[in-house]
């Protein structure tokens, strides 16, 4: 994964896409991040991250079917690629290694 690193927000977006499975579209991703990451997330920032992640080959997108509730417009759905799965696993392994180095008395606080 060297040379194709992800930032904290990109990691959160990848994890959110993975957790939403078949319902990962931009508004749902934004809402999910706002709720579970406990931070205010703007849709434009999510769109920028999705574009970057797709350019890096970590996610892929496809258009869903048109719906009446959206005036016949289609949602763009996102899913992790094999490289995206590897990226979140790698990020978790790095965090786990660093956490394991912290003396227990530091965390008892």
Protein backbone atom coordinates (compact mmCIF):
# COMPACT_ATOMS: atom_id res chain seq x y z
CA UNK A 1 0.00 0.00 0.00
CA UNK A 2 3.07 2.26 0.09
CA UNK A 3 2.72 5.25 -2.21
CA UNK A 4 -1.07 5.04 -2.12
CA UNK A 5 -1.75 6.09 1.45
CA UNK A 6 -5.09 7.21 2.77
CA UNK A 7 -5.86 9.98 5.20
CA UNK A 8 -8.05 9.72 8.28
CA UNK A 9 -11.18 11.03 6.56
CA UNK A 10 -10.65 8.77 3.55
CA UNK A 11 -10.32 5.84 5.95
CA UNK A 12 -13.62 6.81 7.59
CA UNK A 13 -15.30 7.04 4.18
CA UNK A 14 -13.98 3.60 3.21
CA UNK A 15 -15.17 2.10 6.50
CA UNK A 16 -18.56 3.74 6.04
CA UNK A 17 -18.92 2.34 2.53
CA UNK A 18 -18.05 -1.10 3.86
CA UNK A 19 -20.60 -0.81 6.67
CA UNK A 20 -23.40 0.44 4.41
CA UNK A 21 -22.82 -2.44 1.96
CA UNK A 22 -25.42 -2.13 -0.83
CA UNK A 23 -26.77 1.24 0.34
CA UNK A 24 -23.57 3.30 0.09
CA UNK A 25 -24.45 6.47 -1.82
CA UNK A 26 -23.18 9.97 -1.05
CA UNK A 27 -26.05 11.24 1.14
CA UNK A 28 -26.15 8.01 3.16
CA UNK A 29 -22.36 8.12 3.57
CA UNK A 30 -22.57 11.74 4.76
CA UNK A 31 -25.37 10.95 7.23
CA UNK A 32 -23.60 7.84 8.52
CA UNK A 33 -20.36 9.74 9.11
CA UNK A 34 -22.18 12.56 10.88
CA UNK A 35 -23.90 10.09 13.19
CA UNK A 36 -21.15 7.58 13.94
CA UNK A 37 -18.02 9.72 13.69
CA UNK A 38 -19.75 12.44 15.71
CA UNK A 39 -18.64 15.21 13.39
CA UNK A 40 -20.40 17.56 11.04
CA UNK A 41 -19.73 16.38 7.51
CA UNK A 42 -20.52 18.37 4.39
CA UNK A 43 -21.74 16.59 1.28
CA UNK A 44 -19.19 18.41 -0.91
CA UNK A 45 -16.32 17.06 1.21
CA UNK A 46 -17.73 13.54 0.90
CA UNK A 47 -18.00 13.94 -2.89
CA UNK A 48 -14.38 15.11 -3.09
CA UNK A 49 -13.22 12.14 -1.03
CA UNK A 50 -15.26 9.72 -3.12
CA UNK A 51 -13.70 11.11 -6.30
CA UNK A 52 -10.17 10.81 -4.85
CA UNK A 53 -10.80 7.26 -3.61
CA UNK A 54 -12.16 6.24 -6.99
CA UNK A 55 -9.13 7.78 -8.75
CA UNK A 56 -6.87 5.79 -6.39
CA UNK A 57 -8.75 2.61 -7.33
CA UNK A 58 -9.94 1.99 -3.77
CA UNK A 59 -13.65 2.20 -4.59
CA UNK A 60 -15.80 1.80 -7.65
CA UNK A 61 -19.19 3.25 -8.39
CA UNK A 62 -22.25 2.34 -10.37
CA UNK A 63 -25.58 3.98 -11.06
CA UNK A 64 -28.73 2.51 -9.53
CA UNK A 65 -32.12 2.44 -11.14
CA UNK A 66 -34.12 5.68 -11.54
CA UNK A 67 -36.64 6.23 -8.75
CA UNK A 68 -39.83 8.26 -8.60
CA UNK A 69 -38.86 9.78 -5.27
CA UNK A 70 -35.82 11.33 -6.96
CA UNK A 71 -37.76 12.55 -10.00
CA UNK A 72 -36.42 9.78 -12.20
CA UNK A 73 -32.80 10.44 -11.26
CA UNK A 74 -30.42 7.64 -10.36
CA UNK A 75 -28.24 7.31 -7.26
CA UNK A 76 -24.53 6.57 -7.60
CA UNK A 77 -23.61 3.65 -5.34
CA UNK A 78 -20.10 2.93 -4.08
CA UNK A 79 -18.30 -0.24 -3.07
CA UNK A 80 -14.78 -1.12 -2.03
CA UNK A 81 -12.42 -2.68 -4.54
CA UNK A 82 -9.90 -5.34 -3.53
CA UNK A 83 -7.37 -2.52 -3.13
CA UNK A 84 -9.84 -0.63 -0.90
CA UNK A 85 -10.31 -3.65 1.32
CA UNK A 86 -6.54 -4.02 1.55
CA UNK A 87 -6.22 -0.32 2.42
CA UNK A 88 -8.62 -0.49 5.39
CA UNK A 89 -7.06 -3.73 6.62
CA UNK A 90 -3.62 -2.14 6.39
CA UNK A 91 -4.79 0.96 8.27
CA UNK A 92 -6.28 -1.25 11.01
CA UNK A 93 -3.08 -3.30 11.30
CA UNK A 94 -0.99 -0.14 11.66
CA UNK A 95 -3.32 1.27 14.33
CA UNK A 96 -3.40 -2.07 16.19
CA UNK A 97 0.44 -2.26 16.20
CA UNK A 98 0.72 1.26 17.57
CA UNK A 99 -2.01 0.65 20.19
CA UNK A 100 -0.17 -2.47 21.34
CA UNK A 101 2.90 -0.34 22.13
CA UNK A 102 1.06 1.92 24.58
CA UNK A 103 1.73 0.93 28.20
CA UNK A 104 -1.48 -0.05 29.99
CA UNK A 105 -1.01 2.55 32.73
CA UNK A 106 -1.31 5.30 30.11
CA UNK A 107 -4.74 4.11 29.05
CA UNK A 108 -6.16 3.59 32.55
CA UNK A 109 -6.47 7.27 33.09
